[in-house]
Amino acid sequence: MGGATKSPRRPASAGRKFGDDPGSVADAQAAIVMQKGFLDDVIDGVQLGLLAIAVICVLLAAVFGSSLPVIFPAARPVYEALAGVPGFVRDLPALAQSVWEARPSSLEEAVHLGAILAAEAGDLLHRLPYKECVLVFSWATYLWETSLDIRQRDRLHEVRRPLSISTFISRQVYLEANAYGLDKSSLALVKGAVEQVQTTLIIVYDLIPALWRAVGDLASTHLGMVPEQHLIAHSVMFFVAAVAVSTALSLPFNMYSTFVVEKKHGFNKQTWGLFVSDAVKSFLLVVLFGAPVVAAFLWVIDKTGSRFYLYTWALMAAVQLLAIVIYPTLIQPLFNKFDPLPNGELRTAIEALASRLRFPLKKLYVVDGSKRSSHSNAYVFGFFRSKRIVVYDTLIQQCTTEEIVAVVGHELGHWKMNHVPRMLAMAQVQIFLVFFAFGCFVGEEAMYASFGVEGTPVMLGFVFFQYLYEPLGSLLQFCSNAVSRLHEFQADAFSKRLGYGKQLASCLIKLQIENKSAMNPDPLYSAYHYSHPPLVERLNALGNPHVAPKTE
């Protein structure tokens, strides 16, 4: 009994972090998802750098106090701006009280106050540092959206499934979706940074006016045209040149997305020939349809005076309605093939559902979405008594007949509850606000001079105004997405009332898996970016018993 006792052999899998067999695909995928590369190191470095700068600034302000601008003259504008914040906050109650006491008590006083405010606003527009405002707005929007991207990226690095999806999403599928999301996130972060640098250079070095002058010089040299006498023609040529430059700058990112990211994760079906063909067609369509719209837009402004916003709004509303009509019937067939859905169980079921809901179905198509990608979809389009339903061939491949009918029921829910007209109405309100606000800036010489432009060419004014409008546009898009998500819940509930709740839930899960969509998105990121609710929220709303309410 004096010999040493031999300890039992430890199983090879004991102590493994993920609990899978050695060398399993899931563990390998988990290692990829967890791994933080160069881009993550850059993000961490920037965050630490900003934190260090903030701490240093606080320490300098604490040590030197009001002497800081004298010692570091470059810090004077920042110091003066921040120094005024406490006083402004302290004076807010008194300011609010004075505004309340000065409220108009009659219509005449209200009109007088409105005139005073209008005069003050006009004076402010004369003194506004437009270029600096554009840079601040642009960078503020970029930093906000990048912070959301980083929050989402942190979620994508997680390898443990939330309990809320663990009953119907396998670990392997969850990791594959996160890996796909990380690759898209990396591309989006790099693209966003490059585009922000491009925007900054364009603004700082007045490259938009430079392009305007270059187009004018070419027109004068080769066409014998005097740009000042043909502003609309000059503007249209500038529009074409700007579209060409924008297309060229975005092309490398589109190529990488299609032939690297999408191909890596099994989605891309495009050939290089098809990609080039699509790019050329898209450019030509933008030019052919955009140029007349630009010309009409400028002509209306020139002819209708100070209330042009009413007429341009009407023009854009007509253009939008026309686009809704011609896009599915004339434009989309240039890129995809639409065939009548063959007779069979699926066609019979969809036609029966349409008849049951008195939906004026005129045509039922299947589209070759698999020609470019394995992503899937179904949608309804058309006006009045001429409605069409389109089902992607990829959806037919991925889901059962009942599940596809459930998705069509969801789409018909949008029709039944007038979601499309509501969203169109919201879009019209936004367009009106854009043109009304533009009316305040269109003749503001200080804005044009700030960007190095002589005169007040409307085309350039609208370009500059779009930069100024960017923060408000982002806010309105956030509101639009919130309404869209509400509509999605309502359409899901409609399909459930038709008796397809279980089938719709099953199809949503399949599509989430097939599309490798984010399984556990950051709440703030999804609230800002998503027009559709996350999967778990939709399943909970459908009353799916397999969805747990808590996460690990």
Protein backbone atom coordinates (compact mmCIF):
# COMPACT_ATOMS: atom_id res chain seq x y z
CA MET A 1 0.00 0.00 0.00
CA GLY A 2 3.06 2.20 0.08
CA GLY A 3 2.92 3.02 -3.67
CA ALA A 4 1.72 6.40 -4.84
CA THR A 5 -1.92 6.60 -5.78
CA LYS A 6 -2.38 7.38 -9.45
CA SER A 7 -4.81 10.22 -10.03
CA PRO A 8 -7.59 9.57 -12.51
CA ARG A 9 -7.05 10.87 -16.03
CA ARG A 10 -8.82 14.17 -16.59
CA PRO A 11 -11.21 14.14 -19.55
CA ALA A 12 -9.89 16.03 -22.53
CA SER A 13 -12.95 18.25 -22.54
CA ALA A 14 -12.76 19.15 -18.84
CA GLY A 15 -12.31 22.83 -18.17
CA ARG A 16 -13.03 23.86 -21.73
CA LYS A 17 -14.53 27.31 -21.85
CA PHE A 18 -17.32 26.58 -24.28
CA GLY A 19 -18.18 23.02 -23.29
CA ASP A 20 -17.96 21.59 -26.80
CA ASP A 21 -15.81 18.82 -28.21
CA PRO A 22 -12.21 19.77 -29.00
CA GLY A 23 -11.88 21.32 -32.41
CA SER A 24 -15.62 21.71 -32.87
CA VAL A 25 -16.89 24.17 -35.44
CA ALA A 26 -18.76 26.10 -32.76
CA ASP A 27 -15.64 26.58 -30.64
CA ALA A 28 -13.67 27.73 -33.66
CA GLN A 29 -16.44 30.18 -34.54
CA ALA A 30 -16.58 31.39 -30.93
CA ALA A 31 -12.86 32.07 -30.99
CA ILE A 32 -13.32 34.18 -34.13
CA VAL A 33 -16.20 36.13 -32.60
CA MET A 34 -14.32 36.78 -29.35
CA GLN A 35 -11.11 37.81 -31.06
CA LYS A 36 -10.55 41.55 -31.14
CA GLY A 37 -8.47 42.73 -34.05
CA PHE A 38 -6.73 45.91 -35.10
CA LEU A 39 -9.97 47.86 -35.53
CA ASP A 40 -11.07 47.02 -31.99
CA ASP A 41 -7.65 48.10 -30.71
CA VAL A 42 -8.07 51.41 -32.53
CA ILE A 43 -11.51 51.88 -30.98
CA ASP A 44 -10.17 51.14 -27.50
CA GLY A 45 -7.22 53.47 -28.08
CA VAL A 46 -9.43 56.33 -29.22
CA GLN A 47 -11.76 55.88 -26.25
CA LEU A 48 -8.85 55.86 -23.80
CA GLY A 49 -7.29 58.82 -25.57
CA LEU A 50 -10.47 60.87 -25.34
CA LEU A 51 -10.82 59.96 -21.67
CA ALA A 52 -7.21 60.99 -21.01
CA ILE A 53 -7.73 64.30 -22.83
CA ALA A 54 -10.87 64.97 -20.80
CA VAL A 55 -9.04 64.26 -17.53
CA ILE A 56 -6.11 66.49 -18.53
CA CYS A 57 -8.48 69.32 -19.47
CA VAL A 58 -10.27 69.07 -16.13
CA LEU A 59 -6.95 69.09 -14.25
CA LEU A 60 -5.67 72.09 -16.21
CA ALA A 61 -8.89 73.99 -15.58
CA ALA A 62 -8.71 73.14 -11.88
CA VAL A 63 -5.06 74.21 -11.54
CA PHE A 64 -4.98 77.32 -13.71
CA GLY A 65 -8.63 78.44 -13.54
CA SER A 66 -9.30 81.71 -15.36
CA SER A 67 -5.60 82.00 -16.25
CA LEU A 68 -5.90 79.04 -18.62
CA PRO A 69 -6.76 81.13 -21.75
CA VAL A 70 -3.75 83.37 -21.05
CA ILE A 71 -1.33 80.47 -20.70
CA PHE A 72 -2.86 78.46 -23.56
CA PRO A 73 -4.43 80.96 -26.01
CA ALA A 74 -5.64 78.12 -28.26
CA ALA A 75 -7.91 76.96 -25.44
CA ARG A 76 -9.66 80.34 -25.10
CA PRO A 77 -12.75 79.58 -27.28
CA VAL A 78 -13.39 76.26 -25.56
CA TYR A 79 -12.84 77.71 -22.10
CA GLU A 80 -15.13 80.67 -22.71
CA ALA A 81 -17.84 78.42 -24.12
CA LEU A 82 -17.69 76.02 -21.18
CA ALA A 83 -17.33 78.79 -18.61
CA GLY A 84 -20.67 80.20 -19.67
CA VAL A 85 -22.54 76.92 -19.20
CA PRO A 86 -23.01 77.08 -15.38
CA GLY A 87 -24.31 80.63 -15.55
CA PHE A 88 -26.65 79.77 -18.40
CA VAL A 89 -28.06 76.81 -16.47
CA ARG A 90 -28.39 78.94 -13.34
CA ASP A 91 -30.28 81.65 -15.25
CA LEU A 92 -32.66 79.25 -17.00
CA PRO A 93 -35.50 79.56 -14.41
CA ALA A 94 -35.39 83.36 -14.57
CA LEU A 95 -35.28 83.24 -18.36
CA ALA A 96 -38.27 80.90 -18.47
CA GLN A 97 -40.19 83.18 -16.11
CA SER A 98 -39.44 86.27 -18.19
CA VAL A 99 -40.57 84.49 -21.35
CA TRP A 100 -43.78 83.44 -19.63
CA GLU A 101 -44.47 86.97 -18.39
CA ALA A 102 -43.86 88.36 -21.87
CA ARG A 103 -46.36 85.99 -23.49
CA PRO A 104 -48.81 87.79 -25.79
CA SER A 105 -52.30 88.37 -24.44
CA SER A 106 -53.90 89.36 -27.74
CA LEU A 107 -53.62 88.63 -31.44
CA GLU A 108 -51.95 91.98 -32.09
CA GLU A 109 -49.28 91.28 -29.48
CA ALA A 110 -48.74 87.81 -30.91
CA VAL A 111 -48.24 89.24 -34.40
CA HIS A 112 -45.87 91.86 -33.02
CA LEU A 113 -43.89 89.23 -31.12
CA GLY A 114 -43.72 87.07 -34.23
CA ALA A 115 -42.33 89.99 -36.22
CA ILE A 116 -39.68 90.62 -33.56
CA LEU A 117 -38.67 86.96 -33.48
CA ALA A 118 -38.53 86.84 -37.28
CA ALA A 119 -36.27 89.89 -37.32
CA GLU A 120 -34.03 88.36 -34.66
CA ALA A 121 -33.90 85.09 -36.59
CA GLY A 122 -32.99 86.95 -39.77
CA ASP A 123 -30.22 88.80 -37.97
CA LEU A 124 -28.96 85.49 -36.58
CA LEU A 125 -28.86 83.97 -40.07
CA HIS A 126 -26.71 86.90 -41.24
CA ARG A 127 -24.18 86.27 -38.46
CA LEU A 128 -24.20 82.48 -38.40
CA PRO A 129 -20.78 80.84 -39.02
CA TYR A 130 -22.16 78.41 -41.58
CA LYS A 131 -19.05 76.44 -42.42
CA GLU A 132 -18.22 75.92 -38.76
CA CYS A 133 -21.82 74.88 -38.05
CA VAL A 134 -21.72 72.32 -40.85
CA LEU A 135 -18.50 70.85 -39.51
CA VAL A 136 -19.87 70.69 -35.96
CA PHE A 137 -23.17 69.13 -37.07
CA SER A 138 -21.40 66.65 -39.32
CA TRP A 139 -18.95 65.51 -36.68
CA ALA A 140 -21.60 65.40 -33.95
CA THR A 141 -23.78 63.14 -36.09
CA TYR A 142 -20.80 60.97 -37.03
CA LEU A 143 -19.62 60.57 -33.43
CA TRP A 144 -23.13 59.75 -32.22
CA GLU A 145 -23.69 57.10 -34.88
CA THR A 146 -20.19 55.69 -34.41
CA SER A 147 -20.80 55.35 -30.68
CA LEU A 148 -23.90 53.31 -31.50
CA ASP A 149 -21.89 51.17 -33.91
CA ILE A 150 -19.36 50.48 -31.16
CA ARG A 151 -22.13 49.51 -28.73
CA GLN A 152 -23.48 47.10 -31.31
CA ARG A 153 -20.00 45.75 -31.99
CA ASP A 154 -19.57 44.93 -28.31
CA ARG A 155 -22.79 42.91 -28.49
CA LEU A 156 -21.53 41.06 -31.55
CA HIS A 157 -18.38 39.99 -29.70
CA GLU A 158 -20.50 38.06 -27.19
CA VAL A 159 -20.43 34.26 -27.55
CA ARG A 160 -23.09 33.29 -25.02
CA ARG A 161 -26.62 33.20 -26.34
CA PRO A 162 -29.23 35.15 -24.42
CA LEU A 163 -31.73 32.81 -22.80
CA SER A 164 -34.47 34.58 -24.73
CA ILE A 165 -33.31 32.95 -27.98
CA SER A 166 -31.54 29.82 -26.76
CA THR A 167 -34.65 27.66 -27.24
CA PHE A 168 -34.81 28.18 -31.00
CA ILE A 169 -31.40 29.52 -32.09
CA SER A 170 -28.51 27.08 -31.91
CA ARG A 171 -25.15 28.19 -30.63
CA GLN A 172 -23.56 27.64 -34.02
CA VAL A 173 -26.17 29.80 -35.79
CA TYR A 174 -25.80 32.53 -33.16
CA LEU A 175 -22.04 32.64 -33.59
CA GLU A 176 -22.26 32.65 -37.39
CA ALA A 177 -24.67 35.58 -37.26
CA ASN A 178 -22.34 37.47 -34.92
CA ALA A 179 -19.35 36.78 -37.16
CA TYR A 180 -21.30 38.14 -40.15
CA GLY A 181 -22.36 41.16 -38.11
CA LEU A 182 -18.77 41.84 -37.04
CA ASP A 183 -17.56 41.79 -40.64
CA LYS A 184 -20.30 44.21 -41.65
CA SER A 185 -19.54 46.35 -38.61
CA SER A 186 -15.85 46.54 -39.50
CA LEU A 187 -16.68 47.66 -43.02
CA ALA A 188 -19.24 50.18 -41.76
CA LEU A 189 -16.79 51.71 -39.27
CA VAL A 190 -14.03 52.05 -41.85
CA LYS A 191 -16.44 53.39 -44.45
CA GLY A 192 -17.92 55.85 -41.97
CA ALA A 193 -14.49 57.16 -40.98
CA VAL A 194 -13.37 57.54 -44.60
CA GLU A 195 -16.59 59.29 -45.59
CA GLN A 196 -16.35 61.62 -42.61
CA VAL A 197 -12.80 62.58 -43.56
CA GLN A 198 -13.98 63.11 -47.14
CA THR A 199 -16.83 65.32 -45.94
CA THR A 200 -14.48 67.35 -43.75
CA LEU A 201 -12.03 67.89 -46.61
CA ILE A 202 -14.87 68.81 -48.96
CA ILE A 203 -16.15 71.44 -46.53
CA VAL A 204 -12.82 72.83 -45.31
CA TYR A 205 -11.29 73.17 -48.76
CA ASP A 206 -14.48 74.35 -50.52
CA LEU A 207 -14.43 71.44 -52.97
CA ILE A 208 -18.14 71.76 -53.76
CA PRO A 209 -17.72 75.30 -55.16
CA ALA A 210 -14.56 74.07 -56.91
CA LEU A 211 -16.58 71.36 -58.68
CA TRP A 212 -19.24 73.94 -59.53
CA ARG A 213 -16.65 76.22 -61.12
CA ALA A 214 -14.96 73.33 -62.94
CA VAL A 215 -18.27 72.25 -64.47
CA GLY A 216 -18.96 75.84 -65.50
CA ASP A 217 -15.53 76.17 -67.09
CA LEU A 218 -16.02 72.94 -69.06
CA ALA A 219 -19.44 74.07 -70.24
CA SER A 220 -18.04 77.42 -71.27
CA THR A 221 -15.03 75.94 -73.06
CA HIS A 222 -16.63 72.99 -74.85
CA LEU A 223 -20.26 74.07 -75.21
CA GLY A 224 -19.85 77.81 -75.55
CA MET A 225 -22.32 78.27 -72.71
CA VAL A 226 -22.22 81.19 -70.30
CA PRO A 227 -22.94 79.52 -66.92
CA GLU A 228 -24.37 82.68 -65.35
CA GLN A 229 -26.98 82.86 -68.10
CA HIS A 230 -27.92 79.17 -67.95
CA LEU A 231 -28.05 78.41 -64.23
CA ILE A 232 -30.44 75.48 -64.58
CA ALA A 233 -28.29 73.79 -67.23
CA HIS A 234 -25.20 74.51 -65.16
CA SER A 235 -26.90 73.01 -62.09
CA VAL A 236 -27.95 69.87 -63.95
CA MET A 237 -24.40 69.30 -65.19
CA PHE A 238 -23.13 69.87 -61.66
CA PHE A 239 -25.64 67.29 -60.41
CA VAL A 240 -24.39 64.72 -62.93
CA ALA A 241 -20.77 65.41 -61.98
CA ALA A 242 -21.57 65.14 -58.26
CA VAL A 243 -23.35 61.81 -58.79
CA ALA A 244 -20.36 60.52 -60.77
CA VAL A 245 -17.93 61.53 -58.02
CA SER A 246 -20.15 60.05 -55.30
CA THR A 247 -20.51 56.79 -57.23
CA ALA A 248 -16.76 56.53 -57.76
CA LEU A 249 -16.02 57.15 -54.07
CA SER A 250 -18.52 54.54 -52.87
CA LEU A 251 -17.59 51.90 -55.45
CA PRO A 252 -14.64 50.34 -53.53
CA PHE A 253 -16.80 49.83 -50.44
CA ASN A 254 -19.63 48.32 -52.48
CA MET A 255 -17.19 45.95 -54.15
CA TYR A 256 -15.70 44.88 -50.83
CA SER A 257 -19.14 44.39 -49.31
CA THR A 258 -20.34 42.27 -52.22
CA PHE A 259 -17.30 40.20 -53.10
CA VAL A 260 -15.66 39.87 -49.69
CA VAL A 261 -18.16 40.18 -46.84
CA GLU A 262 -21.26 38.82 -48.56
CA LYS A 263 -19.32 36.11 -50.37
CA LYS A 264 -17.50 35.03 -47.21
CA HIS A 265 -20.81 34.39 -45.47
CA GLY A 266 -22.48 32.66 -48.39
CA PHE A 267 -24.87 35.38 -49.55
CA ASN A 268 -23.37 36.84 -52.71
CA LYS A 269 -24.45 35.30 -56.00
CA GLN A 270 -23.33 38.15 -58.25
CA THR A 271 -20.67 37.87 -60.90
CA TRP A 272 -18.34 40.75 -61.67
CA GLY A 273 -20.20 41.30 -64.92
CA LEU A 274 -23.54 41.56 -63.15
CA PHE A 275 -22.06 43.89 -60.53
CA VAL A 276 -20.69 46.25 -63.18
CA SER A 277 -23.95 46.07 -65.12
CA ASP A 278 -25.95 46.97 -62.00
CA ALA A 279 -23.60 49.86 -61.19
CA VAL A 280 -23.87 51.30 -64.71
CA LYS A 281 -27.65 50.90 -64.78
CA SER A 282 -28.01 52.53 -61.37
CA PHE A 283 -25.86 55.50 -62.39
CA LEU A 284 -27.74 56.00 -65.64
CA LEU A 285 -31.12 55.76 -63.92
CA VAL A 286 -30.11 58.34 -61.30
CA VAL A 287 -28.95 60.69 -64.04
CA LEU A 288 -31.88 60.11 -66.40
CA PHE A 289 -34.52 60.52 -63.71
CA GLY A 290 -32.66 62.89 -61.41
CA ALA A 291 -31.61 65.48 -63.97
CA PRO A 292 -35.19 66.38 -65.06
CA VAL A 293 -36.28 66.52 -61.42
CA VAL A 294 -33.41 68.88 -60.57
CA ALA A 295 -34.25 71.07 -63.56
CA ALA A 296 -37.95 71.18 -62.62
CA PHE A 297 -37.08 71.89 -58.98
CA LEU A 298 -34.91 74.87 -59.88
CA TRP A 299 -37.39 76.17 -62.45
CA VAL A 300 -40.21 76.11 -59.88
CA ILE A 301 -38.09 78.02 -57.36
CA ASP A 302 -37.17 80.59 -59.99
CA LYS A 303 -40.79 81.15 -61.04
CA THR A 304 -42.71 81.03 -57.77
CA GLY A 305 -40.94 83.53 -55.52
CA SER A 306 -40.69 83.46 -51.74
CA ARG A 307 -43.39 80.81 -51.30
CA PHE A 308 -41.62 78.35 -53.56
CA TYR A 309 -41.68 75.75 -50.79
CA LEU A 310 -45.38 75.11 -51.43
CA TYR A 311 -44.81 74.43 -55.12
CA THR A 312 -41.61 72.43 -54.72
CA TRP A 313 -43.38 70.35 -52.09
CA ALA A 314 -46.19 69.63 -54.56
CA LEU A 315 -43.62 68.81 -57.24
CA MET A 316 -41.74 66.36 -55.01
CA ALA A 317 -45.00 64.75 -53.88
CA ALA A 318 -45.89 64.11 -57.52
CA VAL A 319 -42.39 62.77 -58.22
CA GLN A 320 -42.59 60.44 -55.22
CA LEU A 321 -45.95 59.05 -56.31
CA LEU A 322 -44.65 58.60 -59.85
CA ALA A 323 -41.61 56.75 -58.51
CA ILE A 324 -43.83 54.39 -56.52
CA VAL A 325 -45.71 53.57 -59.71
CA ILE A 326 -42.82 53.15 -62.13
CA TYR A 327 -40.20 51.58 -59.85
CA PRO A 328 -41.75 48.11 -59.56
CA THR A 329 -43.10 48.08 -63.11
CA LEU A 330 -40.31 49.73 -65.13
CA ILE A 331 -37.14 50.03 -63.06
CA GLN A 332 -36.92 46.88 -60.97
CA PRO A 333 -37.45 44.61 -64.02
CA LEU A 334 -34.18 46.05 -65.34
CA PHE A 335 -32.41 44.27 -62.48
CA ASN A 336 -34.59 41.23 -61.77
CA LYS A 337 -36.84 38.85 -63.66
CA PHE A 338 -40.49 38.70 -62.63
CA ASP A 339 -42.45 35.59 -63.57
CA PRO A 340 -46.03 34.66 -62.70
CA LEU A 341 -46.06 32.38 -59.67
CA PRO A 342 -46.69 28.87 -61.05
CA ASN A 343 -49.99 27.17 -60.39
CA GLY A 344 -49.89 25.01 -57.32
CA GLU A 345 -50.47 24.90 -53.60
CA LEU A 346 -48.73 28.21 -52.84
CA ARG A 347 -50.51 30.21 -55.53
CA THR A 348 -53.87 28.75 -54.54
CA ALA A 349 -53.29 29.58 -50.86
CA ILE A 350 -52.22 33.18 -51.55
CA GLU A 351 -55.14 33.78 -53.92
CA ALA A 352 -57.53 32.35 -51.33
CA LEU A 353 -56.15 34.68 -48.66
CA ALA A 354 -56.41 37.69 -50.99
CA SER A 355 -60.01 36.76 -51.82
CA ARG A 356 -60.81 36.31 -48.14
CA LEU A 357 -59.57 39.84 -47.39
CA ARG A 358 -61.05 41.31 -50.59
CA PHE A 359 -57.60 42.36 -51.66
CA PRO A 360 -57.73 43.44 -55.34
CA LEU A 361 -54.97 41.09 -56.48
CA LYS A 362 -54.21 41.58 -60.16
CA LYS A 363 -50.91 39.75 -60.53
CA LEU A 364 -48.84 37.36 -58.42
CA TYR A 365 -45.12 37.20 -59.17
CA VAL A 366 -42.03 35.30 -58.14
CA VAL A 367 -38.79 37.28 -58.51
CA ASP A 368 -35.32 35.81 -58.99
CA GLY A 369 -33.77 37.33 -55.87
CA SER A 370 -31.33 34.41 -55.79
CA LYS A 371 -29.67 35.91 -58.86
CA ARG A 372 -27.79 38.28 -56.56
CA SER A 373 -28.23 37.13 -52.99
CA SER A 374 -29.74 34.46 -50.79
CA HIS A 375 -31.57 37.07 -48.70
CA SER A 376 -35.35 36.77 -48.98
CA ASN A 377 -38.45 38.95 -48.91
CA ALA A 378 -42.05 39.42 -50.04
CA TYR A 379 -43.96 42.62 -50.66
CA VAL A 380 -47.15 44.19 -52.00
CA PHE A 381 -47.35 47.15 -54.37
CA GLY A 382 -49.79 48.96 -56.60
CA PHE A 383 -52.55 51.55 -56.39
CA PHE A 384 -56.31 51.31 -56.15
CA ARG A 385 -57.71 48.21 -57.89
CA SER A 386 -54.41 47.13 -59.43
CA LYS A 387 -52.44 45.37 -56.69
CA ARG A 388 -49.57 42.95 -57.07
CA ILE A 389 -47.86 40.54 -54.69
CA VAL A 390 -44.21 39.61 -55.19
CA VAL A 391 -42.53 36.64 -53.49
CA TYR A 392 -38.78 36.06 -53.67
CA ASP A 393 -37.69 32.67 -54.93
CA THR A 394 -35.36 32.46 -51.93
CA LEU A 395 -38.36 32.73 -49.60
CA ILE A 396 -40.01 29.83 -51.41
CA GLN A 397 -36.84 27.79 -50.97
CA GLN A 398 -36.51 28.56 -47.26
CA CYS A 399 -40.07 28.37 -45.92
CA THR A 400 -43.14 26.15 -46.12
CA THR A 401 -46.32 27.12 -47.94
CA GLU A 402 -48.14 28.03 -44.72
CA GLU A 403 -45.20 30.12 -43.54
CA ILE A 404 -45.07 32.04 -46.82
CA VAL A 405 -48.82 32.65 -46.62
CA ALA A 406 -48.27 33.96 -43.08
CA VAL A 407 -45.69 36.43 -44.42
CA VAL A 408 -48.08 37.48 -47.19
CA GLY A 409 -50.74 37.91 -44.51
CA HIS A 410 -48.35 40.24 -42.70
CA GLU A 411 -47.85 42.27 -45.89
CA LEU A 412 -51.60 42.41 -46.48
CA GLY A 413 -51.90 43.69 -42.92
CA HIS A 414 -49.91 46.74 -44.00
CA TRP A 415 -52.41 47.24 -46.82
CA LYS A 416 -55.46 46.66 -44.65
CA MET A 417 -54.34 49.15 -42.00
CA ASN A 418 -53.21 51.78 -44.53
CA HIS A 419 -49.63 51.78 -43.34
CA VAL A 420 -48.21 52.78 -46.71
CA PRO A 421 -50.40 55.92 -47.04
CA ARG A 422 -49.50 56.84 -43.46
CA MET A 423 -45.78 56.56 -44.14
CA LEU A 424 -46.24 58.53 -47.36
CA ALA A 425 -48.03 61.24 -45.40
CA MET A 426 -45.18 61.35 -42.89
CA ALA A 427 -42.70 61.61 -45.75
CA GLN A 428 -44.68 64.52 -47.21
CA VAL A 429 -44.59 66.34 -43.88
CA GLN A 430 -40.84 65.87 -43.74
CA ILE A 431 -40.40 67.06 -47.33
CA PHE A 432 -42.48 70.14 -46.59
CA LEU A 433 -40.37 70.92 -43.52
CA VAL A 434 -37.21 70.58 -45.60
CA PHE A 435 -38.38 73.01 -48.27
CA PHE A 436 -39.90 75.43 -45.77
CA ALA A 437 -36.65 75.54 -43.80
CA PHE A 438 -34.67 75.88 -47.02
CA GLY A 439 -36.72 78.97 -47.79
CA CYS A 440 -35.07 80.66 -44.81
CA PHE A 441 -31.58 80.01 -46.19
CA VAL A 442 -31.88 80.05 -49.97
CA GLY A 443 -31.15 83.76 -50.35
CA GLU A 444 -28.77 84.08 -47.41
CA GLU A 445 -25.59 85.51 -48.96
CA ALA A 446 -23.63 84.87 -45.76
CA MET A 447 -24.11 81.12 -46.21
CA TYR A 448 -22.75 81.12 -49.76
CA ALA A 449 -19.86 83.44 -48.84
CA SER A 450 -18.93 81.16 -45.94
CA PHE A 451 -18.20 78.40 -48.48
CA GLY A 452 -16.39 80.68 -50.91
CA VAL A 453 -19.25 81.07 -53.40
CA GLU A 454 -19.98 84.29 -55.24
CA GLY A 455 -23.67 84.98 -55.70
CA THR A 456 -26.48 82.71 -54.55
CA PRO A 457 -26.83 79.73 -56.92
CA VAL A 458 -29.80 77.76 -55.60
CA MET A 459 -28.28 74.37 -56.40
CA LEU A 460 -25.29 75.00 -54.16
CA GLY A 461 -27.50 76.54 -51.52
CA PHE A 462 -29.55 73.35 -51.34
CA VAL A 463 -26.39 71.25 -51.03
CA PHE A 464 -25.11 73.41 -48.16
CA PHE A 465 -28.52 73.38 -46.51
CA GLN A 466 -28.58 69.58 -46.54
CA TYR A 467 -25.44 69.60 -44.41
CA LEU A 468 -27.10 72.02 -41.97
CA TYR A 469 -30.24 69.89 -41.93
CA GLU A 470 -28.38 66.65 -41.14
CA PRO A 471 -29.02 66.49 -37.35
CA LEU A 472 -32.74 67.21 -37.78
CA GLY A 473 -32.89 64.70 -40.62
CA SER A 474 -31.39 62.04 -38.36
CA LEU A 475 -33.95 62.83 -35.67
CA LEU A 476 -36.84 62.61 -38.12
CA GLN A 477 -35.49 59.32 -39.46
CA PHE A 478 -35.41 57.99 -35.91
CA CYS A 479 -39.07 58.96 -35.51
CA SER A 480 -39.92 57.37 -38.86
CA ASN A 481 -38.23 54.13 -37.81
CA ALA A 482 -40.20 54.13 -34.55
CA VAL A 483 -43.47 54.42 -36.47
CA SER A 484 -42.33 51.73 -38.91
CA ARG A 485 -41.60 49.32 -36.04
CA LEU A 486 -45.07 49.99 -34.64
CA HIS A 487 -46.55 49.16 -38.04
CA GLU A 488 -44.59 45.91 -38.13
CA PHE A 489 -46.05 44.86 -34.78
CA GLN A 490 -49.53 45.69 -36.05
CA ALA A 491 -49.02 43.72 -39.27
CA ASP A 492 -47.74 40.75 -37.25
CA ALA A 493 -50.84 40.92 -35.08
CA PHE A 494 -53.01 41.04 -38.20
CA SER A 495 -51.41 37.88 -39.57
CA LYS A 496 -51.92 36.24 -36.19
CA ARG A 497 -55.62 37.15 -36.22
CA LEU A 498 -55.85 35.44 -39.60
CA GLY A 499 -54.72 32.26 -37.85
CA TYR A 500 -51.07 32.33 -38.93
CA GLY A 501 -49.38 33.38 -35.69
CA LYS A 502 -47.47 30.14 -35.22
CA GLN A 503 -46.47 29.94 -38.88
CA LEU A 504 -45.35 33.58 -38.93
CA ALA A 505 -43.20 33.06 -35.83
CA SER A 506 -41.65 29.98 -37.41
CA CYS A 507 -40.93 31.84 -40.65
CA LEU A 508 -39.43 34.83 -38.82
CA ILE A 509 -37.05 32.49 -37.02
CA LYS A 510 -36.07 30.78 -40.28
CA LEU A 511 -35.47 34.10 -42.03
CA GLN A 512 -33.43 35.35 -39.09
CA ILE A 513 -31.27 32.25 -39.35
CA GLU A 514 -31.00 32.26 -43.14
CA ASN A 515 -30.18 35.98 -43.28
CA LYS A 516 -27.80 35.76 -40.31
CA SER A 517 -29.41 38.85 -38.85
CA ALA A 518 -28.28 40.19 -35.48
CA MET A 519 -29.77 37.93 -32.82
CA ASN A 520 -29.12 40.15 -29.81
CA PRO A 521 -28.83 43.78 -30.99
CA ASP A 522 -28.00 46.63 -28.69
CA PRO A 523 -31.32 48.30 -27.71
CA LEU A 524 -30.16 51.84 -28.47
CA TYR A 525 -28.59 50.81 -31.77
CA SER A 526 -31.72 48.97 -32.91
CA ALA A 527 -34.00 51.82 -31.79
CA TYR A 528 -32.01 54.29 -33.88
CA HIS A 529 -31.31 52.19 -36.98
CA TYR A 530 -33.93 49.45 -37.29
CA SER A 531 -37.16 49.95 -39.23
CA HIS A 532 -38.24 46.46 -38.07
CA PRO A 533 -38.33 45.28 -34.44
CA PRO A 534 -35.73 42.75 -33.27
CA LEU A 535 -36.78 39.12 -33.55
CA VAL A 536 -37.34 38.48 -29.84
CA GLU A 537 -39.65 41.48 -29.52
CA ARG A 538 -41.74 40.29 -32.47
CA LEU A 539 -41.96 36.76 -31.11
CA ASN A 540 -42.94 38.04 -27.67
CA ALA A 541 -45.67 40.17 -29.26
CA LEU A 542 -46.92 37.10 -31.12
CA GLY A 543 -47.10 35.23 -27.82
CA ASN A 544 -44.52 32.63 -28.79
CA PRO A 545 -44.25 30.30 -25.78
CA HIS A 546 -40.68 29.33 -26.63
CA VAL A 547 -39.25 32.79 -26.02
CA ALA A 548 -37.88 33.32 -22.53
CA PRO A 549 -38.10 36.85 -21.09
CA LYS A 550 -34.64 37.02 -19.49
CA THR A 551 -31.05 36.92 -20.71
CA GLU A 552 -27.99 35.29 -19.23
